[in-house]
Structure formats: structure tokens, C-alpha cells
Amino acid sequence: MNLGQIFKNIVPVLSRRKISIPKVIHKLSYSTEEKVVPEINKKVIHVTFIKANGEKIKVNGTVGDSLLDVVVNNNIDLDGFGACEGTLTCSTCHLVFSDKDYNELPEKPSDEELDMLDLAYDLTDTSRLGCQIILTEKLDGLEVKVPATINDARE
């Protein structure tokens, strides 16, 4: 079978599937803007990560960062957090929000995120993946709980 025949069989299948691009990949499309717009003009957002042992880690992010970006950029030691680097193929950046904060999140979870969350450890009604939460000014002062352990859906 030649390459043309393979694509002829694959294209109809792919065209029937609804495929969405993770927000992190979408964010990368703005990388040129990020280089042009000075960091000084970006609004600082305060975020507190609460570990299972009660330790609070207060850090800063900027509007447009994902919560995964905030963890990485601040070198927060959360074992295994964000193992897939935001490609929406694991559930290691699982976070738990208060009811109030959950309802303030700018977007509802996608079907792909919900599929990954089904595999997360200690899932709650206010669970989300940190790689899918993009900071807005409205989220300044956000507090999120980090579950006691992670479940890497890739394993």
C-alpha cells in the first residue's frame, strides 16, 4: 500500500473526529507577542498552592500564564507535576479549587480535560488540570489545593 492510499483511508476518519488543541499550544501561538510586549506591562497575579500537608506556597504569575506555567516558572517542587508539559495527555497537574474560585474560572473544562480528570487521584467536583487554567486578572489571589499524590495517565 502506498502513501496516497494510506492518507485516502485516514482522512475520512479524521474529518469525523472533533479535535481540539490544548490551551497551552494555543498560548504558544502568542510567543511572538510575548517577546515584543515587555514583561513589565503584564499584570502580576498572586497564586497560592496548598500542599496536602497544609504548606502554603505563595507565588506570582502573569495574565496569560497557565497554572502549570506558574509552577514551572517559580520552580515549585511538586513531585511529578506537569509530567506531559501541558499536552493534555496525563493528569499530573490536577488541582482542586474552592467552589467560589471554580465558578470564577474563565472557561469550563473541555471533553479532553474531563477524560484526563477521570483518571486523576482524589477527584472532586471542583477539580481541574493546571495546564488548562489560564490566569486572568479576575483570578488574582487564587488559592488551589494540590492532591496528596498524582496519577500519571500515561502509565
N, C-alpha and C. Protein backbone atom coordinates (compact mmCIF):
# COMPACT_ATOMS: atom_id res chain seq x y z
N MET A 1 0.85 -1.17 0.00
CA MET A 1 0.00 0.00 0.00
C MET A 1 0.90 1.24 0.00
N ASN A 2 0.65 2.17 -0.93
CA ASN A 2 1.47 3.37 -1.00
C ASN A 2 0.92 4.45 -0.08
N LEU A 3 1.68 5.52 0.08
CA LEU A 3 1.32 6.60 0.99
C LEU A 3 0.00 7.26 0.63
N GLY A 4 -0.27 7.42 -0.66
CA GLY A 4 -1.53 8.02 -1.11
C GLY A 4 -2.74 7.21 -0.65
N GLN A 5 -2.64 5.89 -0.72
CA GLN A 5 -3.75 5.02 -0.28
C GLN A 5 -3.94 5.12 1.23
N ILE A 6 -2.85 5.22 1.97
CA ILE A 6 -2.96 5.33 3.44
C ILE A 6 -3.71 6.60 3.81
N PHE A 7 -3.32 7.75 3.22
CA PHE A 7 -3.99 9.01 3.52
C PHE A 7 -5.44 9.00 3.07
N LYS A 8 -5.71 8.34 1.97
CA LYS A 8 -7.08 8.26 1.46
C LYS A 8 -7.98 7.57 2.49
N ASN A 9 -7.43 6.59 3.21
CA ASN A 9 -8.20 5.87 4.23
C ASN A 9 -8.28 6.64 5.55
N ILE A 10 -7.27 7.44 5.86
CA ILE A 10 -7.21 8.13 7.15
C ILE A 10 -8.04 9.40 7.16
N VAL A 11 -8.02 10.18 6.09
CA VAL A 11 -8.68 11.49 6.05
C VAL A 11 -10.16 11.41 6.42
N PRO A 12 -10.96 10.46 5.89
CA PRO A 12 -12.37 10.41 6.28
C PRO A 12 -12.55 10.16 7.78
N VAL A 13 -11.70 9.38 8.37
CA VAL A 13 -11.80 9.10 9.81
C VAL A 13 -11.49 10.35 10.60
N LEU A 14 -10.41 11.05 10.25
CA LEU A 14 -10.03 12.25 10.97
C LEU A 14 -11.05 13.37 10.82
N SER A 15 -11.67 13.47 9.68
CA SER A 15 -12.63 14.54 9.46
C SER A 15 -13.90 14.35 10.30
N ARG A 16 -14.17 13.15 10.76
CA ARG A 16 -15.34 12.89 11.60
C ARG A 16 -15.06 13.16 13.08
N ARG A 17 -13.80 13.26 13.45
CA ARG A 17 -13.43 13.45 14.85
C ARG A 17 -13.36 14.92 15.19
N LYS A 18 -13.84 15.26 16.36
CA LYS A 18 -13.71 16.63 16.85
C LYS A 18 -12.40 16.69 17.64
N ILE A 19 -11.45 17.42 17.11
CA ILE A 19 -10.14 17.51 17.75
C ILE A 19 -9.94 18.95 18.20
N SER A 20 -9.63 19.13 19.48
CA SER A 20 -9.35 20.49 19.94
C SER A 20 -7.89 20.57 20.37
N ILE A 21 -7.34 21.75 20.21
CA ILE A 21 -5.94 21.97 20.55
C ILE A 21 -5.88 22.43 22.00
N PRO A 22 -5.04 21.79 22.81
CA PRO A 22 -4.92 22.23 24.21
C PRO A 22 -4.57 23.72 24.28
N LYS A 23 -5.07 24.37 25.35
CA LYS A 23 -4.85 25.80 25.52
C LYS A 23 -3.37 26.16 25.55
N VAL A 24 -2.56 25.26 26.03
CA VAL A 24 -1.13 25.55 26.10
C VAL A 24 -0.55 25.72 24.71
N ILE A 25 -0.95 24.87 23.78
CA ILE A 25 -0.47 25.00 22.41
C ILE A 25 -0.99 26.30 21.82
N HIS A 26 -2.26 26.63 22.11
CA HIS A 26 -2.82 27.89 21.65
C HIS A 26 -2.00 29.06 22.19
N LYS A 27 -1.61 28.98 23.46
CA LYS A 27 -0.81 30.03 24.08
C LYS A 27 0.52 30.20 23.37
N LEU A 28 1.10 29.12 22.88
CA LEU A 28 2.38 29.20 22.19
C LEU A 28 2.29 30.04 20.93
N SER A 29 1.09 30.13 20.35
CA SER A 29 0.94 30.93 19.13
C SER A 29 1.17 32.41 19.41
N TYR A 30 1.13 32.79 20.68
CA TYR A 30 1.36 34.17 21.05
C TYR A 30 2.80 34.44 21.48
N SER A 31 3.70 33.49 21.22
CA SER A 31 5.08 33.64 21.66
C SER A 31 5.74 34.87 21.07
N THR A 32 5.41 35.24 19.85
CA THR A 32 5.98 36.44 19.25
C THR A 32 5.53 37.67 20.02
N GLU A 33 4.26 37.72 20.36
CA GLU A 33 3.74 38.84 21.14
C GLU A 33 4.45 38.93 22.48
N GLU A 34 4.68 37.78 23.12
CA GLU A 34 5.33 37.77 24.42
C GLU A 34 6.74 38.35 24.34
N LYS A 35 7.42 38.17 23.22
CA LYS A 35 8.76 38.71 23.06
C LYS A 35 8.73 40.21 22.79
N VAL A 36 7.65 40.68 22.17
CA VAL A 36 7.54 42.08 21.81
C VAL A 36 7.02 42.91 22.98
N VAL A 37 6.02 42.39 23.70
CA VAL A 37 5.43 43.12 24.81
C VAL A 37 6.31 42.92 26.04
N PRO A 38 6.84 43.99 26.60
CA PRO A 38 7.71 43.85 27.76
C PRO A 38 6.98 43.22 28.95
N GLU A 39 7.71 42.41 29.70
CA GLU A 39 7.14 41.75 30.88
C GLU A 39 6.58 42.78 31.86
N ILE A 40 7.15 43.96 31.87
CA ILE A 40 6.73 44.99 32.82
C ILE A 40 5.27 45.39 32.63
N ASN A 41 4.74 45.22 31.43
CA ASN A 41 3.35 45.59 31.15
C ASN A 41 2.35 44.50 31.51
N LYS A 42 2.83 43.32 31.87
CA LYS A 42 1.92 42.22 32.18
C LYS A 42 1.48 42.30 33.65
N LYS A 43 0.21 42.11 33.88
CA LYS A 43 -0.35 42.17 35.22
C LYS A 43 0.09 40.96 36.03
N VAL A 44 0.61 41.23 37.23
CA VAL A 44 1.04 40.16 38.13
C VAL A 44 -0.19 39.61 38.85
N ILE A 45 -0.26 38.28 38.89
CA ILE A 45 -1.36 37.58 39.56
C ILE A 45 -0.77 36.77 40.71
N HIS A 46 -1.35 36.89 41.89
CA HIS A 46 -0.88 36.17 43.08
C HIS A 46 -1.63 34.85 43.19
N VAL A 47 -0.88 33.77 43.34
CA VAL A 47 -1.46 32.43 43.43
C VAL A 47 -0.85 31.72 44.63
N THR A 48 -1.69 30.99 45.37
CA THR A 48 -1.21 30.19 46.49
C THR A 48 -1.54 28.73 46.22
N PHE A 49 -0.50 27.89 46.25
CA PHE A 49 -0.66 26.45 46.12
C PHE A 49 -0.63 25.88 47.53
N ILE A 50 -1.63 25.07 47.89
CA ILE A 50 -1.70 24.47 49.22
C ILE A 50 -1.43 22.98 49.07
N LYS A 51 -0.29 22.56 49.61
CA LYS A 51 0.08 21.14 49.54
C LYS A 51 -0.79 20.32 50.49
N ALA A 52 -0.80 19.02 50.30
CA ALA A 52 -1.63 18.12 51.12
C ALA A 52 -1.28 18.22 52.60
N ASN A 53 -0.02 18.55 52.92
CA ASN A 53 0.40 18.67 54.32
C ASN A 53 0.04 20.03 54.92
N GLY A 54 -0.63 20.89 54.15
CA GLY A 54 -1.07 22.19 54.63
C GLY A 54 -0.10 23.33 54.31
N GLU A 55 1.09 23.00 53.84
CA GLU A 55 2.07 24.04 53.49
C GLU A 55 1.53 24.90 52.36
N LYS A 56 1.62 26.23 52.56
CA LYS A 56 1.17 27.16 51.53
C LYS A 56 2.37 27.75 50.81
N ILE A 57 2.31 27.71 49.50
CA ILE A 57 3.38 28.26 48.67
C ILE A 57 2.78 29.42 47.88
N LYS A 58 3.20 30.64 48.23
CA LYS A 58 2.67 31.84 47.59
C LYS A 58 3.65 32.29 46.51
N VAL A 59 3.14 32.41 45.29
CA VAL A 59 3.97 32.78 44.14
C VAL A 59 3.23 33.77 43.25
N ASN A 60 3.94 34.27 42.26
CA ASN A 60 3.35 35.19 41.29
C ASN A 60 3.37 34.57 39.91
N GLY A 61 2.34 34.88 39.15
CA GLY A 61 2.27 34.54 37.74
C GLY A 61 1.87 35.80 37.01
N THR A 62 1.65 35.68 35.73
CA THR A 62 1.17 36.84 34.96
C THR A 62 -0.04 36.44 34.15
N VAL A 63 -0.85 37.42 33.83
CA VAL A 63 -2.03 37.18 33.00
C VAL A 63 -1.56 36.47 31.72
N GLY A 64 -2.25 35.39 31.38
CA GLY A 64 -1.90 34.62 30.19
C GLY A 64 -1.12 33.36 30.50
N ASP A 65 -0.54 33.27 31.70
CA ASP A 65 0.16 32.05 32.11
C ASP A 65 -0.86 30.99 32.50
N SER A 66 -0.51 29.73 32.30
CA SER A 66 -1.33 28.65 32.85
C SER A 66 -0.82 28.39 34.27
N LEU A 67 -1.60 27.69 35.07
CA LEU A 67 -1.12 27.34 36.41
C LEU A 67 0.09 26.42 36.34
N LEU A 68 0.18 25.62 35.29
CA LEU A 68 1.38 24.80 35.08
C LEU A 68 2.59 25.71 34.85
N ASP A 69 2.42 26.76 34.04
CA ASP A 69 3.50 27.73 33.83
C ASP A 69 3.96 28.34 35.15
N VAL A 70 3.01 28.66 36.01
CA VAL A 70 3.32 29.28 37.30
C VAL A 70 4.19 28.35 38.14
N VAL A 71 3.83 27.07 38.18
CA VAL A 71 4.62 26.09 38.94
C VAL A 71 6.03 25.99 38.37
N VAL A 72 6.14 25.87 37.06
CA VAL A 72 7.45 25.73 36.41
C VAL A 72 8.28 26.99 36.56
N ASN A 73 7.70 28.15 36.28
CA ASN A 73 8.43 29.42 36.32
C ASN A 73 8.91 29.79 37.72
N ASN A 74 8.21 29.28 38.75
CA ASN A 74 8.60 29.57 40.13
C ASN A 74 9.36 28.42 40.79
N ASN A 75 9.71 27.40 39.99
CA ASN A 75 10.47 26.24 40.50
C ASN A 75 9.85 25.64 41.75
N ILE A 76 8.52 25.48 41.74
CA ILE A 76 7.83 24.88 42.88
C ILE A 76 8.06 23.37 42.82
N ASP A 77 8.48 22.81 43.93
CA ASP A 77 8.77 21.38 44.00
C ASP A 77 7.50 20.59 44.29
N LEU A 78 6.83 20.17 43.22
CA LEU A 78 5.65 19.31 43.33
C LEU A 78 5.98 18.06 42.51
N ASP A 79 6.34 17.00 43.19
CA ASP A 79 6.84 15.79 42.56
C ASP A 79 5.92 15.29 41.44
N GLY A 80 6.46 15.25 40.22
CA GLY A 80 5.74 14.71 39.07
C GLY A 80 4.73 15.65 38.44
N PHE A 81 4.56 16.84 38.98
CA PHE A 81 3.55 17.79 38.50
C PHE A 81 3.86 18.20 37.06
N GLY A 82 2.86 18.09 36.19
CA GLY A 82 3.00 18.53 34.81
C GLY A 82 3.92 17.67 33.97
N ALA A 83 3.88 16.37 34.19
CA ALA A 83 4.79 15.44 33.50
C ALA A 83 4.68 15.51 31.98
N CYS A 84 3.51 15.78 31.45
CA CYS A 84 3.35 15.82 29.99
C CYS A 84 3.61 17.22 29.43
N GLU A 85 3.99 18.13 30.28
CA GLU A 85 4.33 19.51 29.89
C GLU A 85 3.16 20.24 29.24
N GLY A 86 1.97 19.94 29.68
CA GLY A 86 0.80 20.67 29.21
C GLY A 86 0.19 20.21 27.92
N THR A 87 0.49 18.99 27.50
CA THR A 87 -0.06 18.48 26.24
C THR A 87 -1.39 17.75 26.43
N LEU A 88 -1.92 17.78 27.62
CA LEU A 88 -3.22 17.17 27.94
C LEU A 88 -3.22 15.66 27.71
N THR A 89 -2.11 15.02 28.13
CA THR A 89 -2.01 13.56 27.99
C THR A 89 -1.77 12.86 29.32
N CYS A 90 -1.84 13.59 30.42
CA CYS A 90 -1.72 12.97 31.74
C CYS A 90 -2.64 13.73 32.69
N SER A 91 -2.62 13.41 33.93
CA SER A 91 -3.44 14.16 34.90
C SER A 91 -2.59 14.60 36.08
N THR A 92 -1.31 14.78 35.85
CA THR A 92 -0.39 15.08 36.96
C THR A 92 -0.47 16.53 37.45
N CYS A 93 -1.12 17.41 36.71
CA CYS A 93 -1.26 18.79 37.18
C CYS A 93 -2.66 19.03 37.75
N HIS A 94 -3.26 17.95 38.25
CA HIS A 94 -4.59 18.00 38.86
C HIS A 94 -4.56 18.94 40.08
N LEU A 95 -5.49 19.87 40.12
CA LEU A 95 -5.63 20.80 41.24
C LEU A 95 -7.09 20.85 41.67
N VAL A 96 -7.31 21.21 42.94
CA VAL A 96 -8.66 21.30 43.48
C VAL A 96 -8.92 22.75 43.89
N PHE A 97 -10.03 23.30 43.43
CA PHE A 97 -10.40 24.68 43.67
C PHE A 97 -11.54 24.76 44.68
N SER A 98 -11.64 25.90 45.36
CA SER A 98 -12.82 26.14 46.19
C SER A 98 -14.01 26.31 45.26
N ASP A 99 -15.21 26.15 45.77
CA ASP A 99 -16.41 26.32 44.94
C ASP A 99 -16.43 27.71 44.30
N LYS A 100 -16.11 28.73 45.11
CA LYS A 100 -16.13 30.12 44.62
C LYS A 100 -15.14 30.30 43.48
N ASP A 101 -13.89 29.86 43.68
CA ASP A 101 -12.87 30.03 42.65
C ASP A 101 -13.19 29.20 41.41
N TYR A 102 -13.70 28.00 41.62
CA TYR A 102 -14.06 27.14 40.48
C TYR A 102 -15.06 27.85 39.57
N ASN A 103 -16.04 28.50 40.19
CA ASN A 103 -17.07 29.20 39.42
C ASN A 103 -16.56 30.48 38.76
N GLU A 104 -15.40 30.97 39.19
CA GLU A 104 -14.80 32.17 38.60
C GLU A 104 -13.89 31.85 37.41
N LEU A 105 -13.59 30.57 37.22
CA LEU A 105 -12.68 30.20 36.13
C LEU A 105 -13.28 30.62 34.80
N PRO A 106 -12.42 31.16 33.91
CA PRO A 106 -12.94 31.75 32.67
C PRO A 106 -13.57 30.75 31.69
N GLU A 107 -13.15 29.51 31.73
CA GLU A 107 -13.69 28.52 30.79
C GLU A 107 -14.05 27.24 31.52
N LYS A 108 -15.03 26.57 31.01
CA LYS A 108 -15.41 25.25 31.52
C LYS A 108 -14.45 24.21 30.94
N PRO A 109 -14.29 23.07 31.62
CA PRO A 109 -13.37 22.04 31.10
C PRO A 109 -13.86 21.46 29.78
N SER A 110 -12.91 21.18 28.90
CA SER A 110 -13.23 20.54 27.61
C SER A 110 -13.47 19.05 27.85
N ASP A 111 -13.99 18.38 26.84
CA ASP A 111 -14.18 16.93 26.94
C ASP A 111 -12.86 16.21 27.16
N GLU A 112 -11.80 16.69 26.50
CA GLU A 112 -10.48 16.07 26.65
C GLU A 112 -9.97 16.21 28.08
N GLU A 113 -10.17 17.39 28.67
CA GLU A 113 -9.75 17.60 30.06
C GLU A 113 -10.55 16.71 30.99
N LEU A 114 -11.84 16.62 30.77
CA LEU A 114 -12.69 15.76 31.62
C LEU A 114 -12.25 14.30 31.54
N ASP A 115 -11.85 13.86 30.34
CA ASP A 115 -11.36 12.48 30.19
C ASP A 115 -10.11 12.25 31.05
N MET A 116 -9.20 13.22 31.05
CA MET A 116 -7.98 13.10 31.85
C MET A 116 -8.29 13.19 33.34
N LEU A 117 -9.23 14.05 33.70
CA LEU A 117 -9.60 14.19 35.11
C LEU A 117 -10.19 12.90 35.66
N ASP A 118 -10.88 12.13 34.83
CA ASP A 118 -11.44 10.86 35.28
C ASP A 118 -10.36 9.93 35.81
N LEU A 119 -9.13 10.14 35.38
CA LEU A 119 -8.01 9.29 35.80
C LEU A 119 -7.22 9.88 36.96
N ALA A 120 -7.59 11.07 37.41
CA ALA A 120 -6.85 11.77 38.46
C ALA A 120 -7.12 11.17 39.83
N TYR A 121 -6.12 11.28 40.69
CA TYR A 121 -6.23 10.83 42.08
C TYR A 121 -7.08 11.81 42.87
N ASP A 122 -7.99 11.30 43.69
CA ASP A 122 -8.79 12.11 44.61
C ASP A 122 -9.60 13.19 43.89
N LEU A 123 -10.27 12.80 42.83
CA LEU A 123 -11.07 13.71 42.01
C LEU A 123 -12.22 14.31 42.82
N THR A 124 -12.48 15.60 42.61
CA THR A 124 -13.61 16.28 43.26
C THR A 124 -14.44 16.98 42.19
N ASP A 125 -15.56 17.56 42.61
CA ASP A 125 -16.42 18.31 41.68
C ASP A 125 -15.76 19.61 41.22
N THR A 126 -14.73 20.05 41.96
CA THR A 126 -14.05 21.30 41.60
C THR A 126 -12.61 21.05 41.16
N SER A 127 -12.35 19.88 40.63
CA SER A 127 -11.02 19.54 40.12
C SER A 127 -10.85 20.07 38.71
N ARG A 128 -9.65 20.54 38.42
CA ARG A 128 -9.27 20.95 37.06
C ARG A 128 -7.80 20.61 36.87
N LEU A 129 -7.35 20.62 35.62
CA LEU A 129 -5.94 20.43 35.31
C LEU A 129 -5.28 21.80 35.20
N GLY A 130 -4.18 21.97 35.89
CA GLY A 130 -3.49 23.25 35.93
C GLY A 130 -3.03 23.74 34.57
N CYS A 131 -2.74 22.82 33.66
CA CYS A 131 -2.29 23.21 32.32
C CYS A 131 -3.41 23.85 31.51
N GLN A 132 -4.64 23.68 31.95
CA GLN A 132 -5.79 24.19 31.21
C GLN A 132 -6.37 25.48 31.80
N ILE A 133 -5.82 25.91 32.93
CA ILE A 133 -6.31 27.12 33.59
C ILE A 133 -5.38 28.27 33.23
N ILE A 134 -5.89 29.22 32.48
CA ILE A 134 -5.12 30.39 32.06
C ILE A 134 -5.49 31.55 32.97
N LEU A 135 -4.46 32.17 33.56
CA LEU A 135 -4.69 33.24 34.52
C LEU A 135 -5.27 34.50 33.86
N THR A 136 -6.26 35.06 34.55
CA THR A 136 -6.85 36.34 34.17
C THR A 136 -6.76 37.24 35.40
N GLU A 137 -6.99 38.53 35.22
CA GLU A 137 -6.94 39.46 36.36
C GLU A 137 -7.96 39.06 37.43
N LYS A 138 -9.05 38.50 37.02
CA LYS A 138 -10.11 38.09 37.95
C LYS A 138 -9.64 37.01 38.93
N LEU A 139 -8.58 36.26 38.56
CA LEU A 139 -8.09 35.17 39.40
C LEU A 139 -7.00 35.60 40.39
N ASP A 140 -6.72 36.90 40.47
CA ASP A 140 -5.71 37.38 41.42
C ASP A 140 -6.10 36.98 42.83
N GLY A 141 -5.17 36.37 43.57
CA GLY A 141 -5.43 35.90 44.92
C GLY A 141 -5.91 34.46 44.98
N LEU A 142 -5.89 33.77 43.86
CA LEU A 142 -6.36 32.39 43.75
C LEU A 142 -5.61 31.46 44.70
N GLU A 143 -6.34 30.57 45.37
CA GLU A 143 -5.75 29.51 46.19
C GLU A 143 -6.22 28.18 45.62
N VAL A 144 -5.27 27.25 45.41
CA VAL A 144 -5.61 25.93 44.88
C VAL A 144 -4.95 24.86 45.73
N LYS A 145 -5.63 23.74 45.89
CA LYS A 145 -5.08 22.62 46.65
C LYS A 145 -4.44 21.63 45.69
N VAL A 146 -3.28 21.13 46.12
CA VAL A 146 -2.56 20.11 45.35
C VAL A 146 -2.84 18.77 46.03
N PRO A 147 -3.41 17.79 45.31
CA PRO A 147 -3.70 16.49 45.92
C PRO A 147 -2.44 15.82 46.49
N ALA A 148 -2.66 14.90 47.41
CA ALA A 148 -1.55 14.23 48.11
C ALA A 148 -0.65 13.44 47.17
N THR A 149 -1.21 12.92 46.12
CA THR A 149 -0.42 12.14 45.17
C THR A 149 -0.95 12.37 43.76
N ILE A 150 -0.20 11.91 42.79
CA ILE A 150 -0.62 12.08 41.40
C ILE A 150 -0.84 10.71 40.76
N ASN A 151 -1.59 10.74 39.69
CA ASN A 151 -1.78 9.55 38.88
C ASN A 151 -1.44 9.95 37.45
N ASP A 152 -0.33 9.43 36.94
CA ASP A 152 0.08 9.76 35.58
C ASP A 152 -0.68 8.87 34.62
N ALA A 153 -1.62 9.47 33.87
CA ALA A 153 -2.48 8.72 32.96
C ALA A 153 -1.70 8.07 31.82
N ARG A 154 -0.45 8.47 31.62
CA ARG A 154 0.36 7.90 30.54
C ARG A 154 0.90 6.53 30.91
N GLU A 155 0.86 6.18 32.18
CA GLU A 155 1.43 4.90 32.62
C GLU A 155 0.38 3.82 32.69
